[in-house]
Amino acid sequence: NQAQMIKQAQKMQQDMMKMQEELENKEYEASAG
């Protein structure tokens, strides 16, 4: 039903925001030569 869909979408949005914050705080390294 719509209430379940909205609840699921809100959870997905919260999970995405948390994941984005975690990924933004990570560092990535590469080398050349």
PDB file of all heavy atoms in Angstrom:
ATOM      1  N   ASN A   1       0.837  -1.196   0.000  1.00  0.00           N
ATOM      2  CA  ASN A   1       0.000   0.000   0.000  1.00  0.00           C
ATOM      3  C   ASN A   1       0.875   1.250   0.000  1.00  0.00           C
ATOM      4  O   ASN A   1       2.092   1.181   0.170  1.00  0.00           O
ATOM      5  CB  ASN A   1      -1.004  -0.019   1.154  1.00  0.00           C
ATOM      6  CG  ASN A   1      -0.337   0.114   2.521  1.00  0.00           C
ATOM      7  OD1 ASN A   1       0.680   0.780   2.668  1.00  0.00           O
ATOM      8  ND2 ASN A   1      -0.939  -0.502   3.518  1.00  0.00           N
ATOM      9  N   GLN A   2       0.251   2.392  -0.165  1.00  0.00           N
ATOM     10  CA  GLN A   2       1.001   3.643  -0.272  1.00  0.00           C
ATOM     11  C   GLN A   2       1.815   3.951   0.976  1.00  0.00           C
ATOM     12  O   GLN A   2       2.945   4.425   0.885  1.00  0.00           O
ATOM     13  CB  GLN A   2       0.044   4.807  -0.552  1.00  0.00           C
ATOM     14  CG  GLN A   2      -0.320   4.913  -2.003  1.00  0.00           C
ATOM     15  CD  GLN A   2      -1.148   6.153  -2.263  1.00  0.00           C
ATOM     16  OE1 GLN A   2      -1.991   6.533  -1.445  1.00  0.00           O
ATOM     17  NE2 GLN A   2      -0.905   6.778  -3.391  1.00  0.00           N
ATOM     18  N   ALA A   3       1.272   3.692   2.149  1.00  0.00           N
ATOM     19  CA  ALA A   3       1.988   3.981   3.388  1.00  0.00           C
ATOM     20  C   ALA A   3       3.272   3.152   3.473  1.00  0.00           C
ATOM     21  O   ALA A   3       4.320   3.659   3.871  1.00  0.00           O
ATOM     22  CB  ALA A   3       1.106   3.709   4.596  1.00  0.00           C
ATOM     23  N   GLN A   4       3.186   1.895   3.059  1.00  0.00           N
ATOM     24  CA  GLN A   4       4.377   1.043   3.061  1.00  0.00           C
ATOM     25  C   GLN A   4       5.410   1.552   2.057  1.00  0.00           C
ATOM     26  O   GLN A   4       6.607   1.548   2.335  1.00  0.00           O
ATOM     27  CB  GLN A   4       4.011  -0.402   2.723  1.00  0.00           C
ATOM     28  CG  GLN A   4       3.267  -1.123   3.827  1.00  0.00           C
ATOM     29  CD  GLN A   4       2.777  -2.486   3.364  1.00  0.00           C
ATOM     30  OE1 GLN A   4       2.273  -2.642   2.251  1.00  0.00           O
ATOM     31  NE2 GLN A   4       2.919  -3.484   4.236  1.00  0.00           N
ATOM     32  N   MET A   5       4.927   1.981   0.896  1.00  0.00           N
ATOM     33  CA  MET A   5       5.836   2.495  -0.134  1.00  0.00           C
ATOM     34  C   MET A   5       6.544   3.755   0.349  1.00  0.00           C
ATOM     35  O   MET A   5       7.751   3.913   0.156  1.00  0.00           O
ATOM     36  CB  MET A   5       5.072   2.779  -1.436  1.00  0.00           C
ATOM     37  CG  MET A   5       4.707   1.524  -2.192  1.00  0.00           C
ATOM     38  SD  MET A   5       3.708   1.836  -3.667  1.00  0.00           S
ATOM     39  CE  MET A   5       4.718   2.994  -4.558  1.00  0.00           C
ATOM     40  N   ILE A   6       5.815   4.640   0.988  1.00  0.00           N
ATOM     41  CA  ILE A   6       6.399   5.886   1.497  1.00  0.00           C
ATOM     42  C   ILE A   6       7.422   5.585   2.575  1.00  0.00           C
ATOM     43  O   ILE A   6       8.524   6.138   2.591  1.00  0.00           O
ATOM     44  CB  ILE A   6       5.301   6.844   2.003  1.00  0.00           C
ATOM     45  CG1 ILE A   6       4.483   7.372   0.819  1.00  0.00           C
ATOM     46  CG2 ILE A   6       5.893   7.987   2.809  1.00  0.00           C
ATOM     47  CD1 ILE A   6       3.239   8.124   1.203  1.00  0.00           C
ATOM     48  N   LYS A   7       7.075   4.662   3.476  1.00  0.00           N
ATOM     49  CA  LYS A   7       7.994   4.284   4.547  1.00  0.00           C
ATOM     50  C   LYS A   7       9.270   3.676   3.965  1.00  0.00           C
ATOM     51  O   LYS A   7      10.385   3.992   4.393  1.00  0.00           O
ATOM     52  CB  LYS A   7       7.301   3.297   5.492  1.00  0.00           C
ATOM     53  CG  LYS A   7       8.070   2.997   6.750  1.00  0.00           C
ATOM     54  CD  LYS A   7       7.239   2.140   7.691  1.00  0.00           C
ATOM     55  CE  LYS A   7       7.985   1.921   8.988  1.00  0.00           C
ATOM     56  NZ  LYS A   7       7.193   1.160   9.951  1.00  0.00           N
ATOM     57  N   GLN A   8       9.130   2.826   2.965  1.00  0.00           N
ATOM     58  CA  GLN A   8      10.284   2.194   2.332  1.00  0.00           C
ATOM     59  C   GLN A   8      11.141   3.250   1.614  1.00  0.00           C
ATOM     60  O   GLN A   8      12.373   3.209   1.689  1.00  0.00           O
ATOM     61  CB  GLN A   8       9.837   1.123   1.348  1.00  0.00           C
ATOM     62  CG  GLN A   8      10.984   0.326   0.766  1.00  0.00           C
ATOM     63  CD  GLN A   8      10.497  -0.796  -0.130  1.00  0.00           C
ATOM     64  OE1 GLN A   8       9.364  -0.787  -0.610  1.00  0.00           O
ATOM     65  NE2 GLN A   8      11.364  -1.762  -0.372  1.00  0.00           N
ATOM     66  N   ALA A   9      10.510   4.196   0.937  1.00  0.00           N
ATOM     67  CA  ALA A   9      11.242   5.260   0.242  1.00  0.00           C
ATOM     68  C   ALA A   9      11.995   6.144   1.236  1.00  0.00           C
ATOM     69  O   ALA A   9      13.132   6.550   0.984  1.00  0.00           O
ATOM     70  CB  ALA A   9      10.282   6.100  -0.596  1.00  0.00           C
ATOM     71  N   GLN A  10      11.375   6.441   2.377  1.00  0.00           N
ATOM     72  CA  GLN A  10      12.038   7.258   3.397  1.00  0.00           C
ATOM     73  C   GLN A  10      13.245   6.527   3.974  1.00  0.00           C
ATOM     74  O   GLN A  10      14.298   7.126   4.182  1.00  0.00           O
ATOM     75  CB  GLN A  10      11.050   7.625   4.508  1.00  0.00           C
ATOM     76  CG  GLN A  10      10.024   8.651   4.085  1.00  0.00           C
ATOM     77  CD  GLN A  10       8.934   8.860   5.115  1.00  0.00           C
ATOM     78  OE1 GLN A  10       8.666   8.002   5.957  1.00  0.00           O
ATOM     79  NE2 GLN A  10       8.277  10.016   5.044  1.00  0.00           N
ATOM     80  N   LYS A  11      13.113   5.239   4.204  1.00  0.00           N
ATOM     81  CA  LYS A  11      14.239   4.453   4.717  1.00  0.00           C
ATOM     82  C   LYS A  11      15.368   4.433   3.695  1.00  0.00           C
ATOM     83  O   LYS A  11      16.540   4.601   4.050  1.00  0.00           O
ATOM     84  CB  LYS A  11      13.823   3.030   5.056  1.00  0.00           C
ATOM     85  CG  LYS A  11      15.022   2.146   5.398  1.00  0.00           C
ATOM     86  CD  LYS A  11      14.743   1.151   6.452  1.00  0.00           C
ATOM     87  CE  LYS A  11      15.863   0.218   6.789  1.00  0.00           C
ATOM     88  NZ  LYS A  11      17.212   0.645   6.696  1.00  0.00           N
ATOM     89  N   MET A  12      15.032   4.249   2.426  1.00  0.00           N
ATOM     90  CA  MET A  12      16.041   4.241   1.377  1.00  0.00           C
ATOM     91  C   MET A  12      16.758   5.592   1.319  1.00  0.00           C
ATOM     92  O   MET A  12      17.978   5.651   1.191  1.00  0.00           O
ATOM     93  CB  MET A  12      15.422   3.928   0.008  1.00  0.00           C
ATOM     94  CG  MET A  12      16.464   3.790  -1.102  1.00  0.00           C
ATOM     95  SD  MET A  12      15.771   3.533  -2.742  1.00  0.00           S
ATOM     96  CE  MET A  12      14.902   2.001  -2.535  1.00  0.00           C
ATOM     97  N   GLN A  13      16.008   6.671   1.466  1.00  0.00           N
ATOM     98  CA  GLN A  13      16.597   8.009   1.446  1.00  0.00           C
ATOM     99  C   GLN A  13      17.562   8.187   2.629  1.00  0.00           C
ATOM    100  O   GLN A  13      18.663   8.702   2.466  1.00  0.00           O
ATOM    101  CB  GLN A  13      15.516   9.078   1.481  1.00  0.00           C
ATOM    102  CG  GLN A  13      16.061  10.483   1.388  1.00  0.00           C
ATOM    103  CD  GLN A  13      14.968  11.528   1.409  1.00  0.00           C
ATOM    104  OE1 GLN A  13      13.849  11.284   1.862  1.00  0.00           O
ATOM    105  NE2 GLN A  13      15.275  12.717   0.917  1.00  0.00           N
ATOM    106  N   GLN A  14      17.163   7.728   3.809  1.00  0.00           N
ATOM    107  CA  GLN A  14      18.036   7.823   4.990  1.00  0.00           C
ATOM    108  C   GLN A  14      19.300   6.993   4.794  1.00  0.00           C
ATOM    109  O   GLN A  14      20.405   7.439   5.103  1.00  0.00           O
ATOM    110  CB  GLN A  14      17.287   7.359   6.243  1.00  0.00           C
ATOM    111  CG  GLN A  14      16.213   8.300   6.699  1.00  0.00           C
ATOM    112  CD  GLN A  14      15.356   7.696   7.816  1.00  0.00           C
ATOM    113  OE1 GLN A  14      15.425   6.500   8.092  1.00  0.00           O
ATOM    114  NE2 GLN A  14      14.544   8.533   8.454  1.00  0.00           N
ATOM    115  N   ASP A  15      19.140   5.783   4.260  1.00  0.00           N
ATOM    116  CA  ASP A  15      20.283   4.915   4.006  1.00  0.00           C
ATOM    117  C   ASP A  15      21.226   5.545   2.982  1.00  0.00           C
ATOM    118  O   ASP A  15      22.450   5.479   3.127  1.00  0.00           O
ATOM    119  CB  ASP A  15      19.836   3.536   3.513  1.00  0.00           C
ATOM    120  CG  ASP A  15      19.144   2.710   4.591  1.00  0.00           C
ATOM    121  OD1 ASP A  15      19.226   3.084   5.788  1.00  0.00           O
ATOM    122  OD2 ASP A  15      18.509   1.701   4.238  1.00  0.00           O
ATOM    123  N   MET A  16      20.666   6.164   1.957  1.00  0.00           N
ATOM    124  CA  MET A  16      21.480   6.811   0.933  1.00  0.00           C
ATOM    125  C   MET A  16      22.262   7.991   1.510  1.00  0.00           C
ATOM    126  O   MET A  16      23.438   8.168   1.200  1.00  0.00           O
ATOM    127  CB  MET A  16      20.601   7.273  -0.242  1.00  0.00           C
ATOM    128  CG  MET A  16      20.139   6.134  -1.116  1.00  0.00           C
ATOM    129  SD  MET A  16      18.942   6.593  -2.396  1.00  0.00           S
ATOM    130  CE  MET A  16      19.735   7.968  -3.187  1.00  0.00           C
ATOM    131  N   MET A  17      21.628   8.778   2.360  1.00  0.00           N
ATOM    132  CA  MET A  17      22.306   9.921   2.961  1.00  0.00           C
ATOM    133  C   MET A  17      23.445   9.454   3.865  1.00  0.00           C
ATOM    134  O   MET A  17      24.539  10.024   3.842  1.00  0.00           O
ATOM    135  CB  MET A  17      21.307  10.786   3.725  1.00  0.00           C
ATOM    136  CG  MET A  17      20.352  11.548   2.813  1.00  0.00           C
ATOM    137  SD  MET A  17      19.023  12.424   3.671  1.00  0.00           S
ATOM    138  CE  MET A  17      19.926  13.515   4.728  1.00  0.00           C
ATOM    139  N   LYS A  18      23.206   8.400   4.629  1.00  0.00           N
ATOM    140  CA  LYS A  18      24.238   7.859   5.509  1.00  0.00           C
ATOM    141  C   LYS A  18      25.401   7.317   4.691  1.00  0.00           C
ATOM    142  O   LYS A  18      26.567   7.582   4.988  1.00  0.00           O
ATOM    143  CB  LYS A  18      23.651   6.758   6.396  1.00  0.00           C
ATOM    144  CG  LYS A  18      24.649   6.165   7.365  1.00  0.00           C
ATOM    145  CD  LYS A  18      24.021   5.083   8.212  1.00  0.00           C
ATOM    146  CE  LYS A  18      25.068   4.449   9.115  1.00  0.00           C
ATOM    147  NZ  LYS A  18      24.571   3.254   9.767  1.00  0.00           N
ATOM    148  N   MET A  19      25.100   6.561   3.636  1.00  0.00           N
ATOM    149  CA  MET A  19      26.135   5.989   2.780  1.00  0.00           C
ATOM    150  C   MET A  19      26.937   7.102   2.106  1.00  0.00           C
ATOM    151  O   MET A  19      28.165   7.040   2.049  1.00  0.00           O
ATOM    152  CB  MET A  19      25.516   5.083   1.718  1.00  0.00           C
ATOM    153  CG  MET A  19      26.498   4.574   0.681  1.00  0.00           C
ATOM    154  SD  MET A  19      27.661   3.355   1.296  1.00  0.00           S
ATOM    155  CE  MET A  19      26.600   1.943   1.417  1.00  0.00           C
ATOM    156  N   GLN A  20      26.262   8.138   1.634  1.00  0.00           N
ATOM    157  CA  GLN A  20      26.949   9.241   0.978  1.00  0.00           C
ATOM    158  C   GLN A  20      27.914   9.932   1.943  1.00  0.00           C
ATOM    159  O   GLN A  20      29.046  10.240   1.585  1.00  0.00           O
ATOM    160  CB  GLN A  20      25.948  10.250   0.421  1.00  0.00           C
ATOM    161  CG  GLN A  20      26.611  11.358  -0.374  1.00  0.00           C
ATOM    162  CD  GLN A  20      25.602  12.246  -1.069  1.00  0.00           C
ATOM    163  OE1 GLN A  20      24.398  12.085  -0.926  1.00  0.00           O
ATOM    164  NE2 GLN A  20      26.095  13.188  -1.826  1.00  0.00           N
ATOM    165  N   GLU A  21      27.471  10.138   3.160  1.00  0.00           N
ATOM    166  CA  GLU A  21      28.332  10.772   4.167  1.00  0.00           C
ATOM    167  C   GLU A  21      29.560   9.911   4.447  1.00  0.00           C
ATOM    168  O   GLU A  21      30.686  10.416   4.516  1.00  0.00           O
ATOM    169  CB  GLU A  21      27.552  11.011   5.460  1.00  0.00           C
ATOM    170  CG  GLU A  21      28.346  11.755   6.513  1.00  0.00           C
ATOM    171  CD  GLU A  21      27.531  12.006   7.773  1.00  0.00           C
ATOM    172  OE1 GLU A  21      26.305  12.173   7.679  1.00  0.00           O
ATOM    173  OE2 GLU A  21      28.144  12.014   8.856  1.00  0.00           O
ATOM    174  N   GLU A  22      29.348   8.604   4.585  1.00  0.00           N
ATOM    175  CA  GLU A  22      30.470   7.697   4.830  1.00  0.00           C
ATOM    176  C   GLU A  22      31.458   7.724   3.666  1.00  0.00           C
ATOM    177  O   GLU A  22      32.673   7.764   3.867  1.00  0.00           O
ATOM    178  CB  GLU A  22      29.969   6.268   5.048  1.00  0.00           C
ATOM    179  CG  GLU A  22      29.257   6.071   6.362  1.00  0.00           C
ATOM    180  CD  GLU A  22      28.614   4.694   6.490  1.00  0.00           C
ATOM    181  OE1 GLU A  22      28.786   3.835   5.585  1.00  0.00           O
ATOM    182  OE2 GLU A  22      27.916   4.469   7.490  1.00  0.00           O
ATOM    183  N   LEU A  23      30.938   7.690   2.444  1.00  0.00           N
ATOM    184  CA  LEU A  23      31.806   7.681   1.270  1.00  0.00           C
ATOM    185  C   LEU A  23      32.550   9.005   1.098  1.00  0.00           C
ATOM    186  O   LEU A  23      33.689   9.025   0.651  1.00  0.00           O
ATOM    187  CB  LEU A  23      30.993   7.357   0.014  1.00  0.00           C
ATOM    188  CG  LEU A  23      30.458   5.931  -0.056  1.00  0.00           C
ATOM    189  CD1 LEU A  23      29.471   5.782  -1.202  1.00  0.00           C
ATOM    190  CD2 LEU A  23      31.592   4.925  -0.188  1.00  0.00           C
ATOM    191  N   GLU A  24      31.909  10.111   1.460  1.00  0.00           N
ATOM    192  CA  GLU A  24      32.564  11.414   1.353  1.00  0.00           C
ATOM    193  C   GLU A  24      33.712  11.542   2.342  1.00  0.00           C
ATOM    194  O   GLU A  24      34.652  12.295   2.116  1.00  0.00           O
ATOM    195  CB  GLU A  24      31.559  12.547   1.563  1.00  0.00           C
ATOM    196  CG  GLU A  24      30.648  12.767   0.373  1.00  0.00           C
ATOM    197  CD  GLU A  24      29.629  13.873   0.602  1.00  0.00           C
ATOM    198  OE1 GLU A  24      29.500  14.375   1.739  1.00  0.00           O
ATOM    199  OE2 GLU A  24      28.936  14.218  -0.377  1.00  0.00           O
ATOM    200  N   ASN A  25      33.654  10.821   3.445  1.00  0.00           N
ATOM    201  CA  ASN A  25      34.707  10.887   4.452  1.00  0.00           C
ATOM    202  C   ASN A  25      35.871   9.937   4.165  1.00  0.00           C
ATOM    203  O   ASN A  25      36.888  10.000   4.845  1.00  0.00           O
ATOM    204  CB  ASN A  25      34.132  10.619   5.843  1.00  0.00           C
ATOM    205  CG  ASN A  25      33.255  11.760   6.315  1.00  0.00           C
ATOM    206  OD1 ASN A  25      33.528  12.919   6.032  1.00  0.00           O
ATOM    207  ND2 ASN A  25      32.185  11.425   7.007  1.00  0.00           N
ATOM    208  N   LYS A  26      35.726   9.072   3.187  1.00  0.00           N
ATOM    209  CA  LYS A  26      36.797   8.151   2.829  1.00  0.00           C
ATOM    210  C   LYS A  26      37.810   8.850   1.931  1.00  0.00           C
ATOM    211  O   LYS A  26      37.519   9.866   1.308  1.00  0.00           O
ATOM    212  CB  LYS A  26      36.238   6.937   2.074  1.00  0.00           C
ATOM    213  CG  LYS A  26      35.522   5.942   2.968  1.00  0.00           C
ATOM    214  CD  LYS A  26      34.993   4.775   2.179  1.00  0.00           C
ATOM    215  CE  LYS A  26      36.118   3.883   1.694  1.00  0.00           C
ATOM    216  NZ  LYS A  26      35.626   2.672   1.016  1.00  0.00           N
ATOM    217  N   GLU A  27      39.014   8.281   1.870  1.00  0.00           N
ATOM    218  CA  GLU A  27      40.042   8.771   0.953  1.00  0.00           C
ATOM    219  C   GLU A  27      40.408   7.648  -0.004  1.00  0.00           C
ATOM    220  O   GLU A  27      40.380   6.473   0.357  1.00  0.00           O
ATOM    221  CB  GLU A  27      41.278   9.256   1.713  1.00  0.00           C
ATOM    222  CG  GLU A  27      41.031  10.537   2.460  1.00  0.00           C
ATOM    223  CD  GLU A  27      42.302  11.124   3.078  1.00  0.00           C
ATOM    224  OE1 GLU A  27      43.395  10.545   2.917  1.00  0.00           O
ATOM    225  OE2 GLU A  27      42.181  12.166   3.736  1.00  0.00           O
ATOM    226  N   TYR A  28      40.766   8.033  -1.214  1.00  0.00           N
ATOM    227  CA  TYR A  28      41.116   7.096  -2.270  1.00  0.00           C
ATOM    228  C   TYR A  28      42.483   7.487  -2.806  1.00  0.00           C
ATOM    229  O   TYR A  28      42.759   8.665  -3.024  1.00  0.00           O
ATOM    230  CB  TYR A  28      40.058   7.139  -3.382  1.00  0.00           C
ATOM    231  CG  TYR A  28      38.663   6.910  -2.840  1.00  0.00           C
ATOM    232  CD1 TYR A  28      37.904   7.973  -2.355  1.00  0.00           C
ATOM    233  CD2 TYR A  28      38.138   5.635  -2.762  1.00  0.00           C
ATOM    234  CE1 TYR A  28      36.644   7.758  -1.814  1.00  0.00           C
ATOM    235  CE2 TYR A  28      36.875   5.416  -2.230  1.00  0.00           C
ATOM    236  CZ  TYR A  28      36.128   6.485  -1.758  1.00  0.00           C
ATOM    237  OH  TYR A  28      34.896   6.272  -1.224  1.00  0.00           O
ATOM    238  N   GLU A  29      43.344   6.489  -3.012  1.00  0.00           N
ATOM    239  CA  GLU A  29      44.712   6.769  -3.440  1.00  0.00           C
ATOM    240  C   GLU A  29      45.020   6.044  -4.738  1.00  0.00           C
ATOM    241  O   GLU A  29      44.545   4.933  -4.976  1.00  0.00           O
ATOM    242  CB  GLU A  29      45.700   6.332  -2.362  1.00  0.00           C
ATOM    243  CG  GLU A  29      47.147   6.659  -2.703  1.00  0.00           C
ATOM    244  CD  GLU A  29      48.103   6.317  -1.577  1.00  0.00           C
ATOM    245  OE1 GLU A  29      48.012   6.949  -0.516  1.00  0.00           O
ATOM    246  OE2 GLU A  29      48.927   5.407  -1.788  1.00  0.00           O
ATOM    247  N   ALA A  30      45.833   6.683  -5.555  1.00  0.00           N
ATOM    248  CA  ALA A  30      46.316   6.067  -6.782  1.00  0.00           C
ATOM    249  C   ALA A  30      47.717   6.592  -7.042  1.00  0.00           C
ATOM    250  O   ALA A  30      48.103   7.649  -6.531  1.00  0.00           O
ATOM    251  CB  ALA A  30      45.395   6.396  -7.950  1.00  0.00           C
ATOM    252  N   SER A  31      48.472   5.823  -7.825  1.00  0.00           N
ATOM    253  CA  SER A  31      49.830   6.255  -8.151  1.00  0.00           C
ATOM    254  C   SER A  31      50.064   6.146  -9.646  1.00  0.00           C
ATOM    255  O   SER A  31      49.313   5.478 -10.360  1.00  0.00           O
ATOM    256  CB  SER A  31      50.854   5.422  -7.387  1.00  0.00           C
ATOM    257  OG  SER A  31      50.785   4.074  -7.787  1.00  0.00           O
ATOM    258  N   ALA A  32      51.112   6.807 -10.097  1.00  0.00           N
ATOM    259  CA  ALA A  32      51.513   6.764 -11.498  1.00  0.00           C
ATOM    260  C   ALA A  32      53.033   6.758 -11.551  1.00  0.00           C
ATOM    261  O   ALA A  32      53.704   7.111 -10.580  1.00  0.00           O
ATOM    262  CB  ALA A  32      50.955   7.971 -12.243  1.00  0.00           C
ATOM    263  N   GLY A  33      53.556   6.345 -12.695  1.00  0.00           N
ATOM    264  CA  GLY A  33      55.004   6.331 -12.862  1.00  0.00           C
ATOM    265  C   GLY A  33      55.677   5.331 -11.948  1.00  0.00           C
ATOM    266  O   GLY A  33      56.740   5.617 -11.404  1.00  0.00           O
TER     267      GLY A  33
END
